[in-house]
Amino acid sequence: MPASAPGASADPVPRTGSWPTPSLTGAPTSAELLDFVRHAAADKDLIASLPLDPEGRTWLRLEGPRGSEAWLIGWPPGTGTGWHDHADSVGAFATAEGVLKENSLAVRLPSAGWRTLELAEGVDRERHLVAGRSRAFGAHHVHEVLNESSVEHAVSVHAYYPPLPLMRRYSRSGAVLRLEQVERPEDWQ
């Protein structure tokens, strides 16, 4: 995520509130990431700390559990991520304010060696996550997240482990998914 965006911060915001204390061994589990984003999304002071921009997404980097990467993200009306994945990272996100729509693919794609794929019928999934709703996902999860409201901002909390090694961006035309770009952490930090 580019640090030049309004409200962007490369320095993690310390955890506040009464979030659960994870075990001290190993990587955080998907359940722990989900628990983290749920608690962070319920932290009214944390959510209020995010500056909102009427034209572009804003974000603050958070201190996630046990070395995970976490972000607080503001979504102006009509904004979205486009189709992407988070490579080998597992993740979770929770909506704190507004409503987010997630379009995803219920199929594991090859992680390398392709530029264009034709998707089978029935692989599309759609979820609406209102404030207080959350979800976890596994590695190589291809999705797009959108704020379809024409008037309301949405705010969400996201966590990934391991910290994002890269993100692959895709374009989609009907059943055809095309790899367009690979971003590395230096592209958004």
N, C-alpha and C. Protein backbone atom coordinates (compact mmCIF):
# COMPACT_ATOMS: atom_id res chain seq x y z
N MET A 1 0.84 -1.17 0.00
CA MET A 1 0.00 0.00 0.00
C MET A 1 0.89 1.23 0.00
N PRO A 2 0.74 2.13 -0.93
CA PRO A 2 1.64 3.27 -1.04
C PRO A 2 1.57 4.18 0.18
N ALA A 3 2.72 4.55 0.72
CA ALA A 3 2.76 5.42 1.89
C ALA A 3 2.37 6.85 1.54
N SER A 4 2.28 7.17 0.26
CA SER A 4 1.94 8.53 -0.14
C SER A 4 0.45 8.81 -0.07
N ALA A 5 -0.36 7.79 0.16
CA ALA A 5 -1.81 7.98 0.24
C ALA A 5 -2.16 8.76 1.49
N PRO A 6 -3.25 9.56 1.45
CA PRO A 6 -3.65 10.31 2.63
C PRO A 6 -3.90 9.35 3.79
N GLY A 7 -3.41 9.72 4.95
CA GLY A 7 -3.64 8.92 6.13
C GLY A 7 -2.76 7.70 6.24
N ALA A 8 -1.88 7.48 5.27
CA ALA A 8 -1.04 6.30 5.29
C ALA A 8 0.04 6.44 6.35
N SER A 9 0.40 5.33 6.94
CA SER A 9 1.45 5.33 7.95
C SER A 9 2.20 4.03 7.86
N ALA A 10 3.51 4.10 7.76
CA ALA A 10 4.32 2.89 7.73
C ALA A 10 4.63 2.41 9.14
N ASP A 11 4.48 3.29 10.15
CA ASP A 11 4.74 2.90 11.52
C ASP A 11 3.50 2.24 12.11
N PRO A 12 3.65 1.03 12.69
CA PRO A 12 2.49 0.35 13.24
C PRO A 12 1.88 1.12 14.40
N VAL A 13 0.56 1.11 14.47
CA VAL A 13 -0.16 1.68 15.60
C VAL A 13 -0.22 0.60 16.67
N PRO A 14 0.20 0.90 17.90
CA PRO A 14 0.18 -0.13 18.94
C PRO A 14 -1.22 -0.65 19.20
N ARG A 15 -1.30 -1.90 19.62
CA ARG A 15 -2.58 -2.48 19.99
C ARG A 15 -3.06 -1.78 21.25
N THR A 16 -4.36 -1.55 21.32
CA THR A 16 -4.97 -0.99 22.51
C THR A 16 -6.18 -1.83 22.85
N GLY A 17 -6.74 -1.60 23.98
CA GLY A 17 -7.95 -2.32 24.35
C GLY A 17 -7.63 -3.66 24.98
N SER A 18 -8.63 -4.50 25.09
CA SER A 18 -8.48 -5.77 25.80
C SER A 18 -8.53 -6.94 24.81
N TRP A 19 -7.62 -6.94 23.86
CA TRP A 19 -7.56 -8.04 22.91
C TRP A 19 -6.97 -9.26 23.58
N PRO A 20 -7.36 -10.45 23.14
CA PRO A 20 -6.85 -11.66 23.77
C PRO A 20 -5.34 -11.79 23.60
N THR A 21 -4.72 -12.43 24.55
CA THR A 21 -3.29 -12.69 24.48
C THR A 21 -3.09 -14.04 23.81
N PRO A 22 -2.43 -14.08 22.64
CA PRO A 22 -2.22 -15.35 21.95
C PRO A 22 -1.14 -16.16 22.64
N SER A 23 -1.06 -17.44 22.29
CA SER A 23 0.04 -18.25 22.80
C SER A 23 1.34 -17.68 22.25
N LEU A 24 2.44 -17.98 22.88
CA LEU A 24 3.72 -17.37 22.51
C LEU A 24 4.54 -18.23 21.57
N THR A 25 4.00 -19.33 21.07
CA THR A 25 4.78 -20.19 20.18
C THR A 25 4.13 -20.27 18.82
N GLY A 26 4.96 -20.37 17.78
CA GLY A 26 4.46 -20.58 16.43
C GLY A 26 3.78 -19.37 15.82
N ALA A 27 3.32 -19.57 14.61
CA ALA A 27 2.64 -18.53 13.85
C ALA A 27 1.20 -18.39 14.33
N PRO A 28 0.61 -17.20 14.17
CA PRO A 28 -0.79 -17.05 14.53
C PRO A 28 -1.65 -17.90 13.60
N THR A 29 -2.68 -18.50 14.14
CA THR A 29 -3.60 -19.31 13.35
C THR A 29 -4.62 -18.39 12.66
N SER A 30 -5.35 -18.93 11.71
CA SER A 30 -6.44 -18.17 11.08
C SER A 30 -7.45 -17.72 12.12
N ALA A 31 -7.71 -18.58 13.10
CA ALA A 31 -8.67 -18.22 14.16
C ALA A 31 -8.16 -17.04 14.98
N GLU A 32 -6.85 -17.00 15.25
CA GLU A 32 -6.29 -15.87 16.00
C GLU A 32 -6.32 -14.59 15.18
N LEU A 33 -6.05 -14.70 13.89
CA LEU A 33 -6.15 -13.51 13.04
C LEU A 33 -7.59 -13.00 13.01
N LEU A 34 -8.53 -13.91 12.90
CA LEU A 34 -9.95 -13.54 12.89
C LEU A 34 -10.33 -12.88 14.21
N ASP A 35 -9.89 -13.45 15.32
CA ASP A 35 -10.17 -12.88 16.63
C ASP A 35 -9.57 -11.48 16.74
N PHE A 36 -8.35 -11.31 16.24
CA PHE A 36 -7.69 -10.00 16.27
C PHE A 36 -8.50 -8.96 15.49
N VAL A 37 -8.88 -9.28 14.25
CA VAL A 37 -9.60 -8.28 13.44
C VAL A 37 -10.96 -7.96 14.04
N ARG A 38 -11.62 -8.95 14.62
CA ARG A 38 -12.92 -8.70 15.27
C ARG A 38 -12.77 -7.74 16.44
N HIS A 39 -11.77 -7.99 17.29
CA HIS A 39 -11.56 -7.11 18.44
C HIS A 39 -11.13 -5.71 18.00
N ALA A 40 -10.24 -5.63 17.03
CA ALA A 40 -9.79 -4.32 16.55
C ALA A 40 -10.95 -3.54 15.92
N ALA A 41 -11.81 -4.21 15.18
CA ALA A 41 -12.94 -3.54 14.53
C ALA A 41 -13.95 -3.03 15.56
N ALA A 42 -13.97 -3.63 16.73
CA ALA A 42 -14.88 -3.20 17.80
C ALA A 42 -14.30 -2.08 18.66
N ASP A 43 -13.03 -1.73 18.43
CA ASP A 43 -12.35 -0.69 19.21
C ASP A 43 -12.69 0.68 18.62
N LYS A 44 -13.66 1.34 19.20
CA LYS A 44 -14.18 2.61 18.66
C LYS A 44 -13.09 3.69 18.57
N ASP A 45 -12.19 3.74 19.56
CA ASP A 45 -11.11 4.74 19.52
C ASP A 45 -10.16 4.48 18.36
N LEU A 46 -9.82 3.21 18.14
CA LEU A 46 -8.95 2.85 17.02
C LEU A 46 -9.61 3.23 15.70
N ILE A 47 -10.87 2.88 15.53
CA ILE A 47 -11.58 3.17 14.28
C ILE A 47 -11.64 4.68 14.05
N ALA A 48 -11.89 5.44 15.11
CA ALA A 48 -11.97 6.90 14.99
C ALA A 48 -10.62 7.53 14.67
N SER A 49 -9.51 6.82 14.89
CA SER A 49 -8.18 7.38 14.63
C SER A 49 -7.83 7.42 13.14
N LEU A 50 -8.60 6.73 12.31
CA LEU A 50 -8.30 6.68 10.88
C LEU A 50 -8.85 7.91 10.17
N PRO A 51 -7.98 8.71 9.54
CA PRO A 51 -8.49 9.82 8.74
C PRO A 51 -9.17 9.29 7.48
N LEU A 52 -10.32 9.82 7.17
CA LEU A 52 -11.06 9.39 5.98
C LEU A 52 -10.92 10.44 4.88
N ASP A 53 -10.71 9.98 3.67
CA ASP A 53 -10.56 10.84 2.50
C ASP A 53 -11.76 10.57 1.60
N PRO A 54 -12.43 11.60 1.10
CA PRO A 54 -13.61 11.37 0.26
C PRO A 54 -13.31 10.75 -1.10
N GLU A 55 -12.04 10.75 -1.52
CA GLU A 55 -11.73 10.27 -2.86
C GLU A 55 -10.91 9.00 -2.93
N GLY A 56 -10.12 8.71 -1.92
CA GLY A 56 -9.25 7.54 -2.00
C GLY A 56 -9.21 6.79 -0.69
N ARG A 57 -8.84 5.52 -0.78
CA ARG A 57 -8.71 4.72 0.43
C ARG A 57 -7.59 5.26 1.30
N THR A 58 -7.75 5.13 2.59
CA THR A 58 -6.72 5.50 3.56
C THR A 58 -6.44 4.28 4.43
N TRP A 59 -5.26 4.26 5.04
CA TRP A 59 -4.95 3.13 5.90
C TRP A 59 -3.91 3.50 6.93
N LEU A 60 -3.93 2.72 8.00
CA LEU A 60 -2.92 2.79 9.05
C LEU A 60 -2.43 1.38 9.29
N ARG A 61 -1.14 1.23 9.41
CA ARG A 61 -0.59 -0.08 9.73
C ARG A 61 -0.75 -0.31 11.23
N LEU A 62 -1.19 -1.50 11.60
CA LEU A 62 -1.39 -1.87 13.00
C LEU A 62 -0.37 -2.92 13.42
N GLU A 63 -0.21 -3.09 14.70
CA GLU A 63 0.62 -4.15 15.24
C GLU A 63 -0.27 -5.39 15.36
N GLY A 64 -0.06 -6.35 14.49
CA GLY A 64 -0.85 -7.58 14.51
C GLY A 64 -0.26 -8.60 15.47
N PRO A 65 -0.99 -9.68 15.72
CA PRO A 65 -0.50 -10.69 16.65
C PRO A 65 0.70 -11.46 16.10
N ARG A 66 1.70 -11.64 16.93
CA ARG A 66 2.87 -12.48 16.68
C ARG A 66 3.48 -12.34 15.29
N GLY A 67 3.78 -11.12 14.90
CA GLY A 67 4.49 -10.90 13.65
C GLY A 67 3.60 -10.84 12.43
N SER A 68 2.30 -10.82 12.61
CA SER A 68 1.41 -10.69 11.46
C SER A 68 1.37 -9.24 10.99
N GLU A 69 0.94 -9.05 9.78
CA GLU A 69 0.78 -7.72 9.19
C GLU A 69 -0.69 -7.36 9.33
N ALA A 70 -0.98 -6.16 9.82
CA ALA A 70 -2.37 -5.75 10.02
C ALA A 70 -2.56 -4.31 9.55
N TRP A 71 -3.77 -4.03 9.06
CA TRP A 71 -4.09 -2.71 8.51
C TRP A 71 -5.51 -2.31 8.91
N LEU A 72 -5.67 -1.04 9.19
CA LEU A 72 -6.98 -0.40 9.36
C LEU A 72 -7.20 0.37 8.06
N ILE A 73 -8.31 0.10 7.36
CA ILE A 73 -8.51 0.67 6.03
C ILE A 73 -9.84 1.41 5.95
N GLY A 74 -9.81 2.62 5.37
CA GLY A 74 -11.01 3.40 5.10
C GLY A 74 -11.35 3.33 3.62
N TRP A 75 -12.62 3.10 3.34
CA TRP A 75 -13.11 2.91 1.97
C TRP A 75 -14.14 3.98 1.64
N PRO A 76 -13.79 4.98 0.83
CA PRO A 76 -14.81 5.95 0.41
C PRO A 76 -15.88 5.25 -0.43
N PRO A 77 -17.03 5.89 -0.57
CA PRO A 77 -18.08 5.32 -1.42
C PRO A 77 -17.55 5.00 -2.81
N GLY A 78 -17.92 3.83 -3.31
CA GLY A 78 -17.59 3.44 -4.68
C GLY A 78 -16.17 2.95 -4.90
N THR A 79 -15.41 2.66 -3.86
CA THR A 79 -14.03 2.21 -4.04
C THR A 79 -13.91 0.70 -3.83
N GLY A 80 -12.81 0.15 -4.34
CA GLY A 80 -12.56 -1.27 -4.19
C GLY A 80 -11.12 -1.61 -4.49
N THR A 81 -10.80 -2.87 -4.32
CA THR A 81 -9.42 -3.32 -4.48
C THR A 81 -9.09 -3.82 -5.87
N GLY A 82 -10.08 -4.26 -6.62
CA GLY A 82 -9.82 -5.03 -7.83
C GLY A 82 -9.47 -6.46 -7.41
N TRP A 83 -9.46 -7.36 -8.37
CA TRP A 83 -9.16 -8.77 -8.10
C TRP A 83 -7.69 -8.92 -7.72
N HIS A 84 -7.42 -9.68 -6.65
CA HIS A 84 -6.05 -9.88 -6.17
C HIS A 84 -6.00 -11.10 -5.26
N ASP A 85 -4.78 -11.51 -4.93
CA ASP A 85 -4.59 -12.50 -3.87
C ASP A 85 -3.44 -12.03 -2.99
N HIS A 86 -3.20 -12.77 -1.91
CA HIS A 86 -2.17 -12.42 -0.95
C HIS A 86 -1.09 -13.50 -0.89
N ALA A 87 -0.86 -14.17 -2.02
CA ALA A 87 0.17 -15.20 -2.16
C ALA A 87 0.02 -16.26 -1.08
N ASP A 88 1.10 -16.56 -0.37
CA ASP A 88 1.10 -17.64 0.61
C ASP A 88 0.55 -17.24 1.97
N SER A 89 0.11 -16.02 2.12
CA SER A 89 -0.40 -15.57 3.42
C SER A 89 -1.84 -16.00 3.63
N VAL A 90 -2.16 -16.36 4.86
CA VAL A 90 -3.54 -16.55 5.28
C VAL A 90 -3.99 -15.21 5.85
N GLY A 91 -5.28 -14.96 5.91
CA GLY A 91 -5.73 -13.66 6.38
C GLY A 91 -7.12 -13.68 6.95
N ALA A 92 -7.51 -12.51 7.43
CA ALA A 92 -8.84 -12.29 7.97
C ALA A 92 -9.14 -10.81 7.86
N PHE A 93 -10.42 -10.48 7.74
CA PHE A 93 -10.81 -9.08 7.81
C PHE A 93 -12.18 -8.95 8.43
N ALA A 94 -12.41 -7.78 9.04
CA ALA A 94 -13.68 -7.49 9.70
C ALA A 94 -14.10 -6.09 9.31
N THR A 95 -15.39 -5.91 9.09
CA THR A 95 -15.94 -4.60 8.80
C THR A 95 -16.27 -3.91 10.12
N ALA A 96 -15.77 -2.70 10.30
CA ALA A 96 -16.03 -1.94 11.52
C ALA A 96 -17.17 -0.95 11.32
N GLU A 97 -17.24 -0.36 10.14
CA GLU A 97 -18.30 0.61 9.80
C GLU A 97 -18.70 0.40 8.36
N GLY A 98 -19.98 0.62 8.05
CA GLY A 98 -20.46 0.50 6.69
C GLY A 98 -20.66 -0.95 6.28
N VAL A 99 -20.65 -1.18 4.97
CA VAL A 99 -20.85 -2.51 4.40
C VAL A 99 -19.80 -2.73 3.31
N LEU A 100 -19.12 -3.86 3.36
CA LEU A 100 -18.20 -4.25 2.29
C LEU A 100 -18.74 -5.48 1.59
N LYS A 101 -18.53 -5.53 0.29
CA LYS A 101 -18.88 -6.70 -0.50
C LYS A 101 -17.59 -7.40 -0.90
N GLU A 102 -17.56 -8.71 -0.73
CA GLU A 102 -16.42 -9.49 -1.19
C GLU A 102 -16.88 -10.43 -2.28
N ASN A 103 -16.26 -10.32 -3.44
CA ASN A 103 -16.42 -11.31 -4.50
C ASN A 103 -15.18 -12.19 -4.44
N SER A 104 -15.37 -13.49 -4.46
CA SER A 104 -14.22 -14.39 -4.38
C SER A 104 -14.43 -15.59 -5.28
N LEU A 105 -13.36 -16.35 -5.44
CA LEU A 105 -13.39 -17.56 -6.24
C LEU A 105 -13.26 -18.76 -5.32
N ALA A 106 -14.17 -19.70 -5.44
CA ALA A 106 -14.16 -20.91 -4.61
C ALA A 106 -13.38 -22.00 -5.34
N VAL A 107 -12.16 -21.69 -5.67
CA VAL A 107 -11.29 -22.64 -6.34
C VAL A 107 -9.85 -22.20 -6.06
N ARG A 108 -8.99 -23.16 -5.85
CA ARG A 108 -7.57 -22.82 -5.65
C ARG A 108 -6.91 -22.75 -7.01
N LEU A 109 -6.30 -21.62 -7.29
CA LEU A 109 -5.62 -21.42 -8.57
C LEU A 109 -4.17 -21.85 -8.45
N PRO A 110 -3.54 -22.22 -9.53
CA PRO A 110 -2.10 -22.49 -9.47
C PRO A 110 -1.38 -21.24 -8.99
N SER A 111 -0.35 -21.40 -8.17
CA SER A 111 0.34 -20.24 -7.61
C SER A 111 1.35 -19.64 -8.58
N ALA A 112 1.69 -20.34 -9.64
CA ALA A 112 2.67 -19.82 -10.60
C ALA A 112 2.51 -20.54 -11.93
N GLY A 113 3.15 -19.98 -12.97
CA GLY A 113 3.21 -20.65 -14.26
C GLY A 113 2.04 -20.39 -15.19
N TRP A 114 1.27 -19.34 -14.95
CA TRP A 114 0.15 -19.04 -15.85
C TRP A 114 -0.04 -17.52 -15.94
N ARG A 115 -0.63 -17.08 -17.02
CA ARG A 115 -0.97 -15.67 -17.22
C ARG A 115 -2.47 -15.50 -17.40
N THR A 116 -3.13 -16.50 -18.00
CA THR A 116 -4.56 -16.42 -18.26
C THR A 116 -5.20 -17.77 -17.94
N LEU A 117 -6.35 -17.71 -17.24
CA LEU A 117 -7.11 -18.93 -16.92
C LEU A 117 -8.57 -18.72 -17.27
N GLU A 118 -9.20 -19.76 -17.74
CA GLU A 118 -10.65 -19.72 -17.92
C GLU A 118 -11.27 -20.43 -16.73
N LEU A 119 -12.13 -19.71 -16.01
CA LEU A 119 -12.74 -20.23 -14.79
C LEU A 119 -13.96 -21.08 -15.12
N ALA A 120 -14.14 -22.13 -14.39
CA ALA A 120 -15.30 -23.00 -14.54
C ALA A 120 -16.54 -22.30 -13.99
N GLU A 121 -17.71 -22.73 -14.41
CA GLU A 121 -18.95 -22.19 -13.86
C GLU A 121 -19.08 -22.58 -12.40
N GLY A 122 -19.74 -21.73 -11.64
CA GLY A 122 -20.03 -22.04 -10.25
C GLY A 122 -18.94 -21.74 -9.24
N VAL A 123 -17.85 -21.09 -9.66
CA VAL A 123 -16.76 -20.81 -8.72
C VAL A 123 -16.89 -19.44 -8.03
N ASP A 124 -17.82 -18.61 -8.50
CA ASP A 124 -17.97 -17.28 -7.93
C ASP A 124 -18.75 -17.31 -6.62
N ARG A 125 -18.25 -16.57 -5.65
CA ARG A 125 -18.92 -16.41 -4.36
C ARG A 125 -19.05 -14.93 -4.07
N GLU A 126 -20.11 -14.56 -3.37
CA GLU A 126 -20.37 -13.17 -3.02
C GLU A 126 -20.80 -13.11 -1.56
N ARG A 127 -20.19 -12.19 -0.80
CA ARG A 127 -20.55 -12.00 0.60
C ARG A 127 -20.71 -10.50 0.85
N HIS A 128 -21.66 -10.17 1.70
CA HIS A 128 -21.80 -8.79 2.17
C HIS A 128 -21.46 -8.81 3.65
N LEU A 129 -20.48 -8.02 4.02
CA LEU A 129 -20.03 -7.96 5.41
C LEU A 129 -20.41 -6.60 5.99
N VAL A 130 -21.48 -6.60 6.77
CA VAL A 130 -21.92 -5.39 7.45
C VAL A 130 -21.05 -5.19 8.68
N ALA A 131 -21.14 -4.02 9.29
CA ALA A 131 -20.34 -3.74 10.50
C ALA A 131 -20.54 -4.86 11.51
N GLY A 132 -19.43 -5.36 12.02
CA GLY A 132 -19.46 -6.45 12.98
C GLY A 132 -19.26 -7.83 12.37
N ARG A 133 -19.32 -7.93 11.05
CA ARG A 133 -19.11 -9.23 10.38
C ARG A 133 -17.66 -9.36 9.94
N SER A 134 -17.19 -10.61 9.88
CA SER A 134 -15.79 -10.86 9.55
C SER A 134 -15.66 -12.19 8.84
N ARG A 135 -14.47 -12.43 8.32
CA ARG A 135 -14.18 -13.71 7.68
C ARG A 135 -12.69 -13.94 7.62
N ALA A 136 -12.31 -15.20 7.58
CA ALA A 136 -10.92 -15.60 7.43
C ALA A 136 -10.79 -16.30 6.08
N PHE A 137 -9.56 -16.35 5.56
CA PHE A 137 -9.33 -17.03 4.28
C PHE A 137 -7.92 -17.61 4.26
N GLY A 138 -7.74 -18.59 3.39
CA GLY A 138 -6.46 -19.28 3.28
C GLY A 138 -5.54 -18.67 2.25
N ALA A 139 -4.39 -19.28 2.11
CA ALA A 139 -3.39 -18.83 1.14
C ALA A 139 -3.95 -18.92 -0.28
N HIS A 140 -3.50 -18.05 -1.14
CA HIS A 140 -3.87 -18.01 -2.56
C HIS A 140 -5.36 -17.73 -2.77
N HIS A 141 -6.01 -17.08 -1.81
CA HIS A 141 -7.43 -16.72 -1.90
C HIS A 141 -7.57 -15.53 -2.85
N VAL A 142 -8.26 -15.72 -3.97
CA VAL A 142 -8.44 -14.67 -4.96
C VAL A 142 -9.78 -13.99 -4.69
N HIS A 143 -9.74 -12.65 -4.52
CA HIS A 143 -10.97 -11.92 -4.23
C HIS A 143 -10.83 -10.45 -4.61
N GLU A 144 -11.95 -9.77 -4.52
CA GLU A 144 -11.97 -8.32 -4.59
C GLU A 144 -12.91 -7.85 -3.49
N VAL A 145 -12.59 -6.69 -2.91
CA VAL A 145 -13.39 -6.12 -1.83
C VAL A 145 -13.86 -4.75 -2.30
N LEU A 146 -15.15 -4.47 -2.09
CA LEU A 146 -15.77 -3.25 -2.61
C LEU A 146 -16.64 -2.57 -1.57
N ASN A 147 -16.64 -1.24 -1.59
CA ASN A 147 -17.65 -0.47 -0.88
C ASN A 147 -18.60 0.04 -1.96
N GLU A 148 -19.72 -0.61 -2.10
CA GLU A 148 -20.67 -0.25 -3.17
C GLU A 148 -21.60 0.89 -2.81
N SER A 149 -21.52 1.39 -1.59
CA SER A 149 -22.37 2.50 -1.19
C SER A 149 -22.04 3.73 -2.03
N SER A 150 -23.04 4.52 -2.32
CA SER A 150 -22.79 5.77 -3.04
C SER A 150 -22.66 6.95 -2.08
N VAL A 151 -22.87 6.71 -0.78
CA VAL A 151 -22.84 7.82 0.17
C VAL A 151 -22.03 7.55 1.44
N GLU A 152 -21.84 6.32 1.85
CA GLU A 152 -21.21 6.03 3.14
C GLU A 152 -19.82 5.44 3.00
N HIS A 153 -18.91 5.92 3.84
CA HIS A 153 -17.60 5.29 3.99
C HIS A 153 -17.78 3.92 4.66
N ALA A 154 -16.85 3.04 4.42
CA ALA A 154 -16.74 1.80 5.19
C ALA A 154 -15.34 1.80 5.80
N VAL A 155 -15.19 1.10 6.92
CA VAL A 155 -13.90 0.96 7.58
C VAL A 155 -13.74 -0.51 7.94
N SER A 156 -12.54 -1.04 7.73
CA SER A 156 -12.30 -2.45 8.04
C SER A 156 -10.91 -2.65 8.61
N VAL A 157 -10.71 -3.82 9.22
CA VAL A 157 -9.42 -4.22 9.77
C VAL A 157 -9.02 -5.52 9.09
N HIS A 158 -7.76 -5.60 8.64
CA HIS A 158 -7.24 -6.77 7.92
C HIS A 158 -5.97 -7.25 8.60
N ALA A 159 -5.74 -8.57 8.62
CA ALA A 159 -4.51 -9.13 9.17
C ALA A 159 -4.06 -10.29 8.29
N TYR A 160 -2.75 -10.43 8.12
CA TYR A 160 -2.17 -11.46 7.25
C TYR A 160 -0.95 -12.09 7.93
N TYR A 161 -0.78 -13.38 7.73
CA TYR A 161 0.44 -14.05 8.17
C TYR A 161 0.77 -15.15 7.18
N PRO A 162 2.03 -15.26 6.78
CA PRO A 162 3.11 -14.34 7.11
C PRO A 162 2.85 -12.96 6.50
N PRO A 163 3.59 -11.93 6.98
CA PRO A 163 3.43 -10.61 6.37
C PRO A 163 3.52 -10.75 4.85
N LEU A 164 2.72 -9.98 4.16
CA LEU A 164 2.55 -10.14 2.72
C LEU A 164 3.87 -10.16 1.96
N PRO A 165 4.23 -11.32 1.37
CA PRO A 165 5.45 -11.39 0.57
C PRO A 165 5.24 -10.74 -0.79
N LEU A 166 4.02 -10.76 -1.26
CA LEU A 166 3.64 -10.13 -2.52
C LEU A 166 2.14 -10.20 -2.67
N MET A 167 1.62 -9.43 -3.60
CA MET A 167 0.21 -9.50 -4.00
C MET A 167 0.19 -9.60 -5.50
N ARG A 168 -0.67 -10.48 -5.98
CA ARG A 168 -0.88 -10.59 -7.43
C ARG A 168 -2.19 -9.91 -7.76
N ARG A 169 -2.17 -9.06 -8.78
CA ARG A 169 -3.37 -8.34 -9.22
C ARG A 169 -3.84 -8.95 -10.54
N TYR A 170 -5.16 -9.07 -10.67
CA TYR A 170 -5.77 -9.72 -11.82
C TYR A 170 -6.79 -8.80 -12.47
N SER A 171 -7.04 -9.04 -13.75
CA SER A 171 -8.20 -8.45 -14.42
C SER A 171 -9.15 -9.60 -14.71
N ARG A 172 -10.40 -9.27 -14.87
CA ARG A 172 -11.39 -10.32 -15.13
C ARG A 172 -12.35 -9.84 -16.19
N SER A 173 -12.57 -10.70 -17.18
CA SER A 173 -13.56 -10.46 -18.22
C SER A 173 -14.37 -11.74 -18.35
N GLY A 174 -15.59 -11.72 -17.82
CA GLY A 174 -16.40 -12.94 -17.83
C GLY A 174 -15.71 -14.04 -17.06
N ALA A 175 -15.49 -15.18 -17.72
CA ALA A 175 -14.85 -16.32 -17.07
C ALA A 175 -13.33 -16.30 -17.19
N VAL A 176 -12.77 -15.27 -17.83
CA VAL A 176 -11.32 -15.23 -18.04
C VAL A 176 -10.66 -14.34 -16.98
N LEU A 177 -9.73 -14.96 -16.26
CA LEU A 177 -8.94 -14.26 -15.25
C LEU A 177 -7.52 -14.14 -15.78
N ARG A 178 -6.97 -12.91 -15.73
CA ARG A 178 -5.64 -12.67 -16.28
C ARG A 178 -4.75 -12.02 -15.22
N LEU A 179 -3.58 -12.59 -15.02
CA LEU A 179 -2.59 -12.01 -14.12
C LEU A 179 -2.04 -10.75 -14.78
N GLU A 180 -2.16 -9.61 -14.09
CA GLU A 180 -1.73 -8.33 -14.64
C GLU A 180 -0.46 -7.78 -14.02
N GLN A 181 -0.29 -8.00 -12.72
CA GLN A 181 0.81 -7.35 -12.03
C GLN A 181 1.13 -8.10 -10.75
N VAL A 182 2.40 -8.09 -10.38
CA VAL A 182 2.84 -8.63 -9.10
C VAL A 182 3.44 -7.47 -8.32
N GLU A 183 2.89 -7.21 -7.11
CA GLU A 183 3.40 -6.14 -6.27
C GLU A 183 4.16 -6.74 -5.10
N ARG A 184 5.22 -6.08 -4.71
CA ARG A 184 6.03 -6.49 -3.57
C ARG A 184 5.86 -5.46 -2.45
N PRO A 185 6.21 -5.80 -1.23
CA PRO A 185 5.99 -4.88 -0.09
C PRO A 185 6.54 -3.47 -0.33
N GLU A 186 7.66 -3.34 -0.99
CA GLU A 186 8.21 -2.02 -1.21
C GLU A 186 7.30 -1.15 -2.09
N ASP A 187 6.35 -1.77 -2.81
CA ASP A 187 5.43 -1.02 -3.66
C ASP A 187 4.33 -0.33 -2.85
N TRP A 188 4.04 -0.80 -1.62
CA TRP A 188 2.95 -0.21 -0.86
C TRP A 188 3.35 0.25 0.53
N GLN A 189 4.60 0.13 0.90
CA GLN A 189 5.00 0.59 2.24
C GLN A 189 5.84 1.83 2.16
